[in-house]
Amino acid sequence: MSATFHDQRGASGPAGPPEPGELQGAHEGAADGIADVMRDVFYQVTLGRDAPLLDEVFCAFKTTNQHQRRHFTLADILNITDERFFTFQHSALTYLATVYRNHGPDYEAVVLKLPNNGFEYLMAVAGRQLFRHQQRGWVELPGPQALARFPQLQEFVRPRYSHALIYYNLGAQRIDMKFKPKVEGEPVFMVTFEPGLPYDDEETAWCPI
């Protein structure tokens, strides 16, 4: 189910018909059940609570990203036309992020790949199984309830994007988020959270010649 971003008055555009891949019971009157499922999906055993860990990873990238000693804003990132690697700091460790432009048959997309950094994928989500990125096991999460776990990411994209789709894959340990632009012709913005390790700079021991 795609999500519509709300303005400060709480109004939103038409959401349209439900998309395939909803959770079981995702229909009128089932909001409480969906909220319970989302709490389970985002529950972190090591923290003992439903935690916005992935949103914190994104916020760390937004605040501390560096590419060749330069910090990039959203506008900078959306102007990228090649593949670039960024370092960023999270939990006192350095991580690597990747940004590239996908020239698809229907639209351009700027893709940001970030590490899970400890986020635990523990729950199989009911719903129609989708095949994406040569992988089975994808399920579309209900947009409003899933987006509630990403307040800082929402704030970041809201000025230029109006709708979102969120996909979850337990086996791949991955969440994909796709944001539709308000202005036709601007690139779709995609954020992927996937397994990753802290970045080890192998070029710290240069020797003189």
N, C-alpha and C. Protein backbone atom coordinates (compact mmCIF):
# COMPACT_ATOMS: atom_id res chain seq x y z
N MET A 1 0.85 -1.19 0.00
CA MET A 1 0.00 0.00 0.00
C MET A 1 0.88 1.23 0.00
N SER A 2 0.72 2.10 -0.99
CA SER A 2 1.53 3.29 -1.03
C SER A 2 1.07 4.26 0.04
N ALA A 3 1.99 5.11 0.47
CA ALA A 3 1.69 6.10 1.49
C ALA A 3 1.72 7.48 0.88
N THR A 4 0.84 8.35 1.37
CA THR A 4 0.81 9.74 0.96
C THR A 4 1.35 10.58 2.10
N PHE A 5 2.26 11.51 1.79
CA PHE A 5 2.77 12.40 2.82
C PHE A 5 1.71 13.44 3.15
N HIS A 6 1.55 13.73 4.43
CA HIS A 6 0.57 14.71 4.89
C HIS A 6 1.25 16.06 5.08
N ASP A 7 0.51 17.13 4.77
CA ASP A 7 1.06 18.45 5.05
C ASP A 7 0.82 18.79 6.52
N GLN A 8 1.19 20.00 6.92
CA GLN A 8 1.13 20.38 8.32
C GLN A 8 -0.30 20.44 8.85
N ARG A 9 -1.29 20.55 7.96
CA ARG A 9 -2.68 20.59 8.39
C ARG A 9 -3.27 19.20 8.49
N GLY A 10 -2.50 18.17 8.06
CA GLY A 10 -2.99 16.81 8.13
C GLY A 10 -3.76 16.40 6.91
N ALA A 11 -3.85 17.25 5.87
CA ALA A 11 -4.55 16.89 4.65
C ALA A 11 -3.63 16.11 3.75
N SER A 12 -4.19 15.30 2.89
CA SER A 12 -3.38 14.52 1.97
C SER A 12 -4.12 14.36 0.68
N GLY A 13 -3.39 14.01 -0.36
CA GLY A 13 -3.99 13.75 -1.65
C GLY A 13 -4.64 12.39 -1.66
N PRO A 14 -5.35 12.07 -2.75
CA PRO A 14 -6.01 10.77 -2.83
C PRO A 14 -5.01 9.65 -2.84
N ALA A 15 -5.27 8.63 -2.03
CA ALA A 15 -4.34 7.52 -1.92
C ALA A 15 -4.52 6.51 -3.03
N GLY A 16 -5.72 6.48 -3.66
CA GLY A 16 -5.96 5.52 -4.72
C GLY A 16 -6.26 4.16 -4.15
N PRO A 17 -6.48 3.17 -5.01
CA PRO A 17 -6.82 1.83 -4.54
C PRO A 17 -5.64 1.17 -3.88
N PRO A 18 -5.87 0.21 -2.98
CA PRO A 18 -4.77 -0.50 -2.33
C PRO A 18 -3.92 -1.23 -3.34
N GLU A 19 -2.63 -1.26 -3.10
CA GLU A 19 -1.70 -1.99 -3.95
C GLU A 19 -1.65 -3.45 -3.52
N PRO A 20 -1.25 -4.36 -4.42
CA PRO A 20 -1.06 -5.75 -4.01
C PRO A 20 0.10 -5.88 -3.05
N GLY A 21 0.12 -6.97 -2.27
CA GLY A 21 1.21 -7.21 -1.35
C GLY A 21 0.95 -6.69 0.03
N GLU A 22 -0.32 -6.39 0.37
CA GLU A 22 -0.64 -5.92 1.70
C GLU A 22 -0.55 -7.07 2.70
N LEU A 23 -0.43 -6.70 3.97
CA LEU A 23 -0.46 -7.70 5.02
C LEU A 23 -1.83 -8.36 5.07
N GLN A 24 -1.88 -9.56 5.59
CA GLN A 24 -3.16 -10.20 5.82
C GLN A 24 -3.96 -9.36 6.80
N GLY A 25 -5.22 -9.13 6.45
CA GLY A 25 -6.06 -8.31 7.32
C GLY A 25 -5.90 -6.83 7.09
N ALA A 26 -5.16 -6.44 6.04
CA ALA A 26 -4.95 -5.02 5.77
C ALA A 26 -6.14 -4.47 4.99
N HIS A 27 -7.23 -4.18 5.67
CA HIS A 27 -8.43 -3.66 5.04
C HIS A 27 -9.11 -2.72 6.03
N GLU A 28 -10.22 -2.16 5.63
CA GLU A 28 -10.94 -1.23 6.51
C GLU A 28 -11.20 -1.89 7.86
N GLY A 29 -10.89 -1.18 8.94
CA GLY A 29 -11.15 -1.69 10.28
C GLY A 29 -10.04 -2.55 10.83
N ALA A 30 -8.96 -2.75 10.06
CA ALA A 30 -7.88 -3.62 10.52
C ALA A 30 -6.65 -2.82 10.93
N ALA A 31 -6.79 -1.51 11.13
CA ALA A 31 -5.63 -0.65 11.41
C ALA A 31 -4.90 -1.10 12.67
N ASP A 32 -5.65 -1.49 13.70
CA ASP A 32 -5.01 -1.91 14.95
C ASP A 32 -4.16 -3.15 14.72
N GLY A 33 -4.67 -4.10 13.93
CA GLY A 33 -3.91 -5.31 13.65
C GLY A 33 -2.65 -5.01 12.87
N ILE A 34 -2.74 -4.11 11.89
CA ILE A 34 -1.56 -3.74 11.11
C ILE A 34 -0.53 -3.06 12.00
N ALA A 35 -1.00 -2.18 12.90
CA ALA A 35 -0.07 -1.49 13.81
C ALA A 35 0.66 -2.50 14.69
N ASP A 36 -0.04 -3.54 15.14
CA ASP A 36 0.60 -4.58 15.95
C ASP A 36 1.66 -5.31 15.15
N VAL A 37 1.36 -5.64 13.90
CA VAL A 37 2.33 -6.34 13.05
C VAL A 37 3.56 -5.48 12.83
N MET A 38 3.35 -4.17 12.57
CA MET A 38 4.49 -3.28 12.33
C MET A 38 5.35 -3.15 13.58
N ARG A 39 4.74 -3.16 14.75
CA ARG A 39 5.54 -3.14 15.98
C ARG A 39 6.42 -4.38 16.08
N ASP A 40 5.87 -5.52 15.66
CA ASP A 40 6.65 -6.76 15.69
C ASP A 40 7.77 -6.73 14.65
N VAL A 41 7.48 -6.21 13.46
CA VAL A 41 8.49 -6.15 12.40
C VAL A 41 9.68 -5.28 12.83
N PHE A 42 9.39 -4.17 13.49
CA PHE A 42 10.46 -3.23 13.85
C PHE A 42 10.93 -3.40 15.30
N TYR A 43 10.44 -4.43 15.98
CA TYR A 43 10.89 -4.70 17.35
C TYR A 43 12.34 -5.20 17.32
N GLN A 44 13.17 -4.62 18.18
CA GLN A 44 14.58 -4.98 18.25
C GLN A 44 14.85 -5.68 19.59
N VAL A 45 15.19 -6.97 19.50
CA VAL A 45 15.37 -7.77 20.71
C VAL A 45 16.49 -7.21 21.57
N THR A 46 17.59 -6.79 20.93
CA THR A 46 18.73 -6.31 21.71
C THR A 46 18.39 -5.03 22.47
N LEU A 47 17.43 -4.25 21.96
CA LEU A 47 17.03 -3.02 22.64
C LEU A 47 15.79 -3.22 23.50
N GLY A 48 15.04 -4.30 23.25
CA GLY A 48 13.84 -4.57 24.02
C GLY A 48 12.69 -3.66 23.69
N ARG A 49 12.65 -3.11 22.46
CA ARG A 49 11.57 -2.19 22.10
C ARG A 49 11.49 -2.03 20.58
N ASP A 50 10.39 -1.47 20.15
CA ASP A 50 10.20 -1.05 18.76
C ASP A 50 11.04 0.22 18.57
N ALA A 51 12.10 0.12 17.78
CA ALA A 51 13.07 1.22 17.71
C ALA A 51 13.27 1.68 16.27
N PRO A 52 13.40 3.00 16.04
CA PRO A 52 13.63 3.54 14.69
C PRO A 52 15.10 3.48 14.30
N LEU A 53 15.72 2.32 14.43
CA LEU A 53 17.17 2.21 14.20
C LEU A 53 17.54 2.59 12.77
N LEU A 54 16.78 2.12 11.79
CA LEU A 54 17.13 2.42 10.40
C LEU A 54 16.99 3.91 10.11
N ASP A 55 16.03 4.56 10.71
CA ASP A 55 15.91 6.01 10.53
C ASP A 55 17.12 6.72 11.12
N GLU A 56 17.66 6.19 12.21
CA GLU A 56 18.87 6.76 12.80
C GLU A 56 20.07 6.58 11.87
N VAL A 57 20.13 5.43 11.19
CA VAL A 57 21.21 5.21 10.21
C VAL A 57 21.10 6.25 9.10
N PHE A 58 19.88 6.44 8.58
CA PHE A 58 19.70 7.44 7.53
C PHE A 58 20.08 8.83 8.01
N CYS A 59 19.65 9.20 9.22
CA CYS A 59 19.96 10.52 9.75
C CYS A 59 21.47 10.71 9.89
N ALA A 60 22.16 9.66 10.31
CA ALA A 60 23.63 9.74 10.42
C ALA A 60 24.25 10.00 9.05
N PHE A 61 23.73 9.33 8.02
CA PHE A 61 24.23 9.59 6.66
C PHE A 61 23.94 11.02 6.25
N LYS A 62 22.71 11.47 6.46
CA LYS A 62 22.33 12.83 6.08
C LYS A 62 23.24 13.87 6.73
N THR A 63 23.60 13.64 7.97
CA THR A 63 24.36 14.63 8.75
C THR A 63 25.85 14.57 8.50
N THR A 64 26.40 13.36 8.31
CA THR A 64 27.86 13.21 8.32
C THR A 64 28.45 12.72 7.01
N ASN A 65 27.65 12.54 5.95
CA ASN A 65 28.21 11.96 4.72
C ASN A 65 29.33 12.81 4.14
N GLN A 66 30.31 12.11 3.59
CA GLN A 66 31.45 12.75 2.95
C GLN A 66 31.82 11.98 1.68
N HIS A 67 31.96 12.72 0.60
CA HIS A 67 32.51 12.15 -0.65
C HIS A 67 33.65 13.05 -1.09
N GLN A 68 34.85 12.50 -1.05
CA GLN A 68 36.05 13.26 -1.40
C GLN A 68 36.08 14.60 -0.63
N ARG A 69 35.85 14.47 0.68
CA ARG A 69 35.92 15.58 1.63
C ARG A 69 34.83 16.63 1.43
N ARG A 70 33.75 16.26 0.77
CA ARG A 70 32.64 17.18 0.56
C ARG A 70 31.35 16.56 1.08
N HIS A 71 30.56 17.38 1.79
CA HIS A 71 29.26 16.94 2.29
C HIS A 71 28.19 17.20 1.23
N PHE A 72 27.27 16.23 1.03
CA PHE A 72 26.23 16.34 0.01
C PHE A 72 24.87 16.56 0.66
N THR A 73 24.09 17.52 0.12
CA THR A 73 22.70 17.71 0.50
C THR A 73 21.82 16.80 -0.37
N LEU A 74 20.51 16.80 -0.10
CA LEU A 74 19.60 16.02 -0.94
C LEU A 74 19.66 16.49 -2.39
N ALA A 75 19.70 17.80 -2.60
CA ALA A 75 19.78 18.31 -3.96
C ALA A 75 21.05 17.83 -4.65
N ASP A 76 22.17 17.81 -3.92
CA ASP A 76 23.42 17.30 -4.48
C ASP A 76 23.28 15.83 -4.87
N ILE A 77 22.68 15.04 -3.97
CA ILE A 77 22.55 13.60 -4.20
C ILE A 77 21.67 13.34 -5.42
N LEU A 78 20.59 14.10 -5.56
CA LEU A 78 19.67 13.87 -6.67
C LEU A 78 20.28 14.28 -8.00
N ASN A 79 21.35 15.03 -7.98
CA ASN A 79 22.04 15.43 -9.22
C ASN A 79 23.12 14.44 -9.63
N ILE A 80 23.36 13.42 -8.82
CA ILE A 80 24.39 12.44 -9.16
C ILE A 80 23.95 11.64 -10.38
N THR A 81 24.85 11.49 -11.34
CA THR A 81 24.54 10.76 -12.57
C THR A 81 25.41 9.52 -12.74
N ASP A 82 26.35 9.30 -11.82
CA ASP A 82 27.22 8.14 -11.90
C ASP A 82 27.12 7.36 -10.59
N GLU A 83 28.11 6.57 -10.25
CA GLU A 83 28.14 5.85 -8.99
C GLU A 83 29.20 6.47 -8.08
N ARG A 84 28.81 6.76 -6.84
CA ARG A 84 29.75 7.37 -5.90
C ARG A 84 29.63 6.68 -4.54
N PHE A 85 30.77 6.65 -3.84
CA PHE A 85 30.83 6.04 -2.53
C PHE A 85 31.04 7.13 -1.49
N PHE A 86 30.32 6.99 -0.38
CA PHE A 86 30.38 7.97 0.70
C PHE A 86 30.76 7.26 2.00
N THR A 87 31.48 7.96 2.85
CA THR A 87 31.63 7.51 4.23
C THR A 87 30.68 8.31 5.10
N PHE A 88 30.26 7.70 6.21
CA PHE A 88 29.47 8.43 7.20
C PHE A 88 29.68 7.78 8.56
N GLN A 89 29.33 8.50 9.61
CA GLN A 89 29.57 8.04 10.97
C GLN A 89 28.26 7.64 11.63
N HIS A 90 28.27 6.47 12.26
CA HIS A 90 27.11 6.04 13.04
C HIS A 90 27.59 5.18 14.19
N SER A 91 27.13 5.47 15.39
CA SER A 91 27.53 4.76 16.60
C SER A 91 29.04 4.73 16.76
N ALA A 92 29.67 5.87 16.46
CA ALA A 92 31.11 6.05 16.61
C ALA A 92 31.92 5.17 15.67
N LEU A 93 31.30 4.67 14.60
CA LEU A 93 32.00 3.86 13.60
C LEU A 93 31.79 4.48 12.23
N THR A 94 32.74 4.21 11.32
CA THR A 94 32.63 4.69 9.95
C THR A 94 32.01 3.60 9.08
N TYR A 95 31.02 3.99 8.29
CA TYR A 95 30.36 3.07 7.36
C TYR A 95 30.46 3.62 5.95
N LEU A 96 30.21 2.74 4.99
CA LEU A 96 30.24 3.11 3.58
C LEU A 96 28.82 3.07 3.03
N ALA A 97 28.46 4.09 2.27
CA ALA A 97 27.18 4.16 1.57
C ALA A 97 27.46 4.33 0.08
N THR A 98 26.53 3.87 -0.74
CA THR A 98 26.66 3.97 -2.19
C THR A 98 25.48 4.74 -2.75
N VAL A 99 25.76 5.65 -3.69
CA VAL A 99 24.72 6.38 -4.40
C VAL A 99 24.97 6.21 -5.89
N TYR A 100 23.92 5.86 -6.64
CA TYR A 100 24.06 5.76 -8.09
C TYR A 100 22.73 6.07 -8.75
N ARG A 101 22.78 6.34 -10.05
CA ARG A 101 21.56 6.63 -10.82
C ARG A 101 21.21 5.43 -11.67
N ASN A 102 19.95 5.04 -11.57
CA ASN A 102 19.43 3.90 -12.32
C ASN A 102 18.62 4.44 -13.50
N HIS A 103 19.05 4.14 -14.72
CA HIS A 103 18.38 4.62 -15.92
C HIS A 103 17.37 3.56 -16.36
N GLY A 104 16.21 3.55 -15.74
CA GLY A 104 15.20 2.53 -16.00
C GLY A 104 14.42 2.79 -17.27
N PRO A 105 13.61 1.81 -17.69
CA PRO A 105 12.82 1.98 -18.92
C PRO A 105 11.70 3.00 -18.79
N ASP A 106 11.25 3.24 -17.57
CA ASP A 106 10.11 4.15 -17.37
C ASP A 106 10.48 5.45 -16.66
N TYR A 107 11.55 5.43 -15.87
CA TYR A 107 11.92 6.63 -15.14
C TYR A 107 13.36 6.52 -14.66
N GLU A 108 13.93 7.68 -14.32
CA GLU A 108 15.24 7.73 -13.70
C GLU A 108 15.07 7.58 -12.19
N ALA A 109 16.02 6.92 -11.55
CA ALA A 109 15.98 6.77 -10.10
C ALA A 109 17.36 6.98 -9.52
N VAL A 110 17.43 7.73 -8.44
CA VAL A 110 18.67 7.86 -7.66
C VAL A 110 18.55 6.92 -6.48
N VAL A 111 19.52 6.02 -6.34
CA VAL A 111 19.47 4.96 -5.34
C VAL A 111 20.53 5.22 -4.27
N LEU A 112 20.10 5.20 -3.02
CA LEU A 112 21.02 5.32 -1.88
C LEU A 112 21.01 3.99 -1.13
N LYS A 113 22.17 3.35 -1.04
CA LYS A 113 22.30 2.08 -0.33
C LYS A 113 23.00 2.31 1.01
N LEU A 114 22.33 1.89 2.09
CA LEU A 114 22.84 2.07 3.44
C LEU A 114 22.89 0.73 4.15
N PRO A 115 23.80 0.58 5.14
CA PRO A 115 23.86 -0.67 5.91
C PRO A 115 22.76 -0.73 6.96
N ASN A 116 22.35 -1.96 7.30
CA ASN A 116 21.38 -2.15 8.38
C ASN A 116 21.93 -1.71 9.72
N ASN A 117 23.22 -1.89 9.91
CA ASN A 117 23.91 -1.51 11.15
C ASN A 117 23.20 -2.02 12.40
N GLY A 118 22.98 -3.33 12.45
CA GLY A 118 22.44 -3.94 13.66
C GLY A 118 20.94 -4.13 13.67
N PHE A 119 20.22 -3.59 12.67
CA PHE A 119 18.78 -3.79 12.64
C PHE A 119 18.48 -5.27 12.45
N GLU A 120 17.58 -5.80 13.28
CA GLU A 120 17.30 -7.24 13.30
C GLU A 120 16.02 -7.54 12.51
N TYR A 121 16.16 -8.37 11.48
CA TYR A 121 15.00 -8.84 10.71
C TYR A 121 14.58 -10.17 11.33
N LEU A 122 13.46 -10.17 12.03
CA LEU A 122 13.08 -11.33 12.83
C LEU A 122 11.76 -11.94 12.43
N MET A 123 10.92 -11.19 11.71
CA MET A 123 9.54 -11.62 11.51
C MET A 123 9.22 -11.80 10.04
N ALA A 124 8.65 -12.95 9.70
CA ALA A 124 8.11 -13.15 8.36
C ALA A 124 6.78 -12.44 8.26
N VAL A 125 6.61 -11.61 7.24
CA VAL A 125 5.41 -10.82 7.07
C VAL A 125 4.47 -11.50 6.09
N ALA A 126 3.21 -11.64 6.48
CA ALA A 126 2.22 -12.26 5.61
C ALA A 126 1.88 -11.33 4.46
N GLY A 127 1.48 -11.92 3.35
CA GLY A 127 1.10 -11.12 2.19
C GLY A 127 1.56 -11.79 0.91
N ARG A 128 1.15 -11.23 -0.22
CA ARG A 128 1.55 -11.79 -1.50
C ARG A 128 3.05 -11.64 -1.70
N GLN A 129 3.70 -12.74 -2.01
CA GLN A 129 5.15 -12.72 -2.22
C GLN A 129 5.48 -12.11 -3.58
N LEU A 130 6.41 -11.16 -3.58
CA LEU A 130 6.82 -10.47 -4.79
C LEU A 130 8.22 -10.92 -5.19
N PHE A 131 8.52 -10.83 -6.48
CA PHE A 131 9.86 -11.15 -7.01
C PHE A 131 10.48 -9.84 -7.47
N ARG A 132 11.53 -9.42 -6.78
CA ARG A 132 12.20 -8.15 -7.08
C ARG A 132 13.70 -8.35 -7.00
N HIS A 133 14.43 -7.66 -7.89
CA HIS A 133 15.89 -7.69 -7.85
C HIS A 133 16.43 -9.12 -7.83
N GLN A 134 15.81 -9.98 -8.64
CA GLN A 134 16.22 -11.38 -8.77
C GLN A 134 16.15 -12.11 -7.44
N GLN A 135 15.24 -11.70 -6.58
CA GLN A 135 15.07 -12.33 -5.27
C GLN A 135 13.59 -12.57 -4.99
N ARG A 136 13.29 -13.71 -4.39
CA ARG A 136 11.94 -13.99 -3.94
C ARG A 136 11.80 -13.52 -2.49
N GLY A 137 10.57 -13.55 -2.00
CA GLY A 137 10.33 -13.26 -0.59
C GLY A 137 10.04 -11.83 -0.24
N TRP A 138 9.88 -10.95 -1.24
CA TRP A 138 9.56 -9.56 -0.94
C TRP A 138 8.08 -9.42 -0.61
N VAL A 139 7.76 -8.58 0.37
CA VAL A 139 6.39 -8.25 0.73
C VAL A 139 6.31 -6.73 0.88
N GLU A 140 5.22 -6.15 0.36
CA GLU A 140 5.03 -4.71 0.52
C GLU A 140 4.43 -4.41 1.89
N LEU A 141 5.07 -3.51 2.62
CA LEU A 141 4.57 -3.11 3.93
C LEU A 141 3.52 -2.02 3.78
N PRO A 142 2.57 -1.93 4.72
CA PRO A 142 1.59 -0.84 4.68
C PRO A 142 2.28 0.49 4.91
N GLY A 143 2.19 1.37 3.93
CA GLY A 143 2.99 2.58 3.92
C GLY A 143 2.90 3.46 5.15
N PRO A 144 1.71 3.90 5.57
CA PRO A 144 1.66 4.84 6.71
C PRO A 144 2.26 4.28 7.99
N GLN A 145 1.97 3.01 8.29
CA GLN A 145 2.49 2.41 9.52
C GLN A 145 3.99 2.20 9.45
N ALA A 146 4.50 1.82 8.28
CA ALA A 146 5.95 1.63 8.14
C ALA A 146 6.68 2.97 8.16
N LEU A 147 6.13 3.97 7.47
CA LEU A 147 6.77 5.28 7.43
C LEU A 147 6.85 5.93 8.80
N ALA A 148 5.95 5.55 9.70
CA ALA A 148 5.98 6.12 11.05
C ALA A 148 7.29 5.81 11.75
N ARG A 149 8.02 4.77 11.30
CA ARG A 149 9.32 4.42 11.89
C ARG A 149 10.46 5.21 11.27
N PHE A 150 10.14 6.12 10.33
CA PHE A 150 11.18 6.88 9.63
C PHE A 150 10.85 8.37 9.64
N PRO A 151 10.70 8.99 10.80
CA PRO A 151 10.31 10.41 10.82
C PRO A 151 11.35 11.34 10.19
N GLN A 152 12.63 11.06 10.38
CA GLN A 152 13.64 11.96 9.84
C GLN A 152 13.79 11.77 8.33
N LEU A 153 13.64 10.56 7.87
CA LEU A 153 13.67 10.33 6.43
C LEU A 153 12.47 11.01 5.77
N GLN A 154 11.30 10.93 6.39
CA GLN A 154 10.13 11.62 5.85
C GLN A 154 10.37 13.13 5.75
N GLU A 155 10.93 13.69 6.81
CA GLU A 155 11.20 15.13 6.81
C GLU A 155 12.16 15.51 5.70
N PHE A 156 13.12 14.63 5.43
CA PHE A 156 14.14 14.88 4.42
C PHE A 156 13.54 14.91 3.02
N VAL A 157 12.63 13.98 2.72
CA VAL A 157 12.13 13.83 1.35
C VAL A 157 10.84 14.62 1.09
N ARG A 158 10.11 14.99 2.14
CA ARG A 158 8.77 15.57 1.96
C ARG A 158 8.75 16.80 1.05
N PRO A 159 9.75 17.70 1.07
CA PRO A 159 9.66 18.88 0.19
C PRO A 159 9.58 18.53 -1.29
N ARG A 160 10.13 17.37 -1.70
CA ARG A 160 10.20 17.07 -3.13
C ARG A 160 9.45 15.80 -3.53
N TYR A 161 8.95 15.04 -2.53
CA TYR A 161 8.31 13.75 -2.84
C TYR A 161 6.96 13.65 -2.15
N SER A 162 6.03 12.97 -2.81
CA SER A 162 4.64 12.96 -2.34
C SER A 162 4.15 11.59 -1.87
N HIS A 163 4.67 10.50 -2.41
CA HIS A 163 4.18 9.16 -2.09
C HIS A 163 5.37 8.22 -1.89
N ALA A 164 5.10 7.12 -1.19
CA ALA A 164 6.17 6.16 -0.91
C ALA A 164 5.66 4.73 -1.03
N LEU A 165 6.56 3.83 -1.37
CA LEU A 165 6.33 2.39 -1.32
C LEU A 165 7.45 1.78 -0.49
N ILE A 166 7.13 0.81 0.37
CA ILE A 166 8.12 0.18 1.24
C ILE A 166 8.03 -1.33 1.08
N TYR A 167 9.18 -1.96 0.80
CA TYR A 167 9.25 -3.41 0.60
C TYR A 167 10.18 -4.03 1.64
N TYR A 168 9.84 -5.25 2.05
CA TYR A 168 10.56 -5.94 3.14
C TYR A 168 10.90 -7.35 2.69
N ASN A 169 12.14 -7.77 2.96
CA ASN A 169 12.56 -9.13 2.62
C ASN A 169 13.33 -9.72 3.80
N LEU A 170 12.69 -10.67 4.49
CA LEU A 170 13.31 -11.28 5.66
C LEU A 170 14.57 -12.04 5.28
N GLY A 171 14.50 -12.88 4.22
CA GLY A 171 15.65 -13.70 3.84
C GLY A 171 16.84 -12.88 3.39
N ALA A 172 16.58 -11.80 2.65
CA ALA A 172 17.67 -10.94 2.17
C ALA A 172 18.12 -9.94 3.21
N GLN A 173 17.39 -9.85 4.34
CA GLN A 173 17.70 -8.88 5.39
C GLN A 173 17.74 -7.47 4.81
N ARG A 174 16.64 -7.09 4.16
CA ARG A 174 16.67 -5.86 3.38
C ARG A 174 15.31 -5.17 3.38
N ILE A 175 15.33 -3.85 3.44
CA ILE A 175 14.16 -3.00 3.27
C ILE A 175 14.47 -2.01 2.15
N ASP A 176 13.53 -1.91 1.18
CA ASP A 176 13.64 -0.95 0.09
C ASP A 176 12.53 0.07 0.22
N MET A 177 12.87 1.35 0.04
CA MET A 177 11.88 2.42 0.10
C MET A 177 11.99 3.23 -1.20
N LYS A 178 10.83 3.46 -1.80
CA LYS A 178 10.79 4.17 -3.09
C LYS A 178 9.89 5.39 -2.94
N PHE A 179 10.39 6.57 -3.35
CA PHE A 179 9.66 7.82 -3.18
C PHE A 179 9.36 8.44 -4.55
N LYS A 180 8.08 8.77 -4.73
CA LYS A 180 7.61 9.33 -6.00
C LYS A 180 7.71 10.85 -5.97
N PRO A 181 8.34 11.48 -6.99
CA PRO A 181 8.51 12.94 -6.96
C PRO A 181 7.22 13.69 -7.20
N LYS A 182 7.15 14.89 -6.64
CA LYS A 182 6.00 15.76 -6.86
C LYS A 182 6.00 16.32 -8.28
N VAL A 183 7.19 16.54 -8.82
CA VAL A 183 7.34 17.16 -10.14
C VAL A 183 7.69 16.08 -11.15
N GLU A 184 6.87 15.97 -12.18
CA GLU A 184 7.13 14.97 -13.22
C GLU A 184 8.46 15.26 -13.90
N GLY A 185 9.24 14.21 -14.12
CA GLY A 185 10.55 14.35 -14.74
C GLY A 185 11.70 14.33 -13.76
N GLU A 186 11.42 14.61 -12.47
CA GLU A 186 12.46 14.49 -11.46
C GLU A 186 12.67 13.01 -11.14
N PRO A 187 13.85 12.64 -10.67
CA PRO A 187 14.11 11.22 -10.43
C PRO A 187 13.36 10.68 -9.22
N VAL A 188 12.95 9.44 -9.32
CA VAL A 188 12.49 8.70 -8.15
C VAL A 188 13.67 8.57 -7.19
N PHE A 189 13.41 8.62 -5.90
CA PHE A 189 14.46 8.45 -4.89
C PHE A 189 14.23 7.11 -4.20
N MET A 190 15.24 6.26 -4.17
CA MET A 190 15.14 4.96 -3.55
C MET A 190 16.19 4.84 -2.45
N VAL A 191 15.76 4.35 -1.28
CA VAL A 191 16.67 4.11 -0.16
C VAL A 191 16.61 2.63 0.18
N THR A 192 17.76 1.98 0.20
CA THR A 192 17.86 0.56 0.50
C THR A 192 18.67 0.37 1.77
N PHE A 193 18.14 -0.42 2.69
CA PHE A 193 18.88 -0.85 3.88
C PHE A 193 19.18 -2.33 3.71
N GLU A 194 20.46 -2.69 3.80
CA GLU A 194 20.88 -4.06 3.55
C GLU A 194 22.09 -4.39 4.42
N PRO A 195 22.47 -5.67 4.50
CA PRO A 195 23.62 -6.03 5.35
C PRO A 195 24.88 -5.26 4.96
N GLY A 196 25.65 -4.88 5.96
CA GLY A 196 26.90 -4.17 5.73
C GLY A 196 27.75 -4.17 6.99
N LEU A 197 29.03 -3.90 6.82
CA LEU A 197 29.98 -3.88 7.92
C LEU A 197 30.64 -2.51 8.02
N PRO A 198 31.20 -2.18 9.18
CA PRO A 198 31.95 -0.92 9.27
C PRO A 198 33.04 -0.85 8.22
N TYR A 199 33.33 0.36 7.78
CA TYR A 199 34.30 0.60 6.72
C TYR A 199 35.71 0.58 7.27
N ASP A 200 36.57 -0.21 6.65
CA ASP A 200 37.97 -0.31 7.04
C ASP A 200 38.82 0.33 5.96
N ASP A 201 39.39 1.49 6.26
CA ASP A 201 40.21 2.20 5.28
C ASP A 201 41.53 1.49 5.14
N GLU A 202 41.71 0.84 4.00
CA GLU A 202 42.93 0.05 3.78
C GLU A 202 44.11 0.90 3.31
N GLU A 203 43.89 2.23 3.18
CA GLU A 203 44.97 3.07 2.67
C GLU A 203 45.54 3.98 3.76
N THR A 204 45.49 3.52 5.00
CA THR A 204 45.99 4.36 6.10
C THR A 204 47.48 4.17 6.34
N ALA A 205 48.09 3.18 5.70
CA ALA A 205 49.49 2.87 6.00
C ALA A 205 50.40 3.09 4.78
N TRP A 206 50.20 4.25 4.14
CA TRP A 206 51.08 4.59 3.02
C TRP A 206 52.53 4.67 3.52
N CYS A 207 53.44 4.16 2.72
CA CYS A 207 54.87 4.25 3.08
C CYS A 207 55.59 5.08 2.03
N PRO A 208 56.63 5.79 2.43
CA PRO A 208 57.38 6.62 1.49
C PRO A 208 58.16 5.77 0.49
N ILE A 209 58.38 6.30 -0.72
CA ILE A 209 59.18 5.59 -1.74
C ILE A 209 60.30 6.49 -2.22
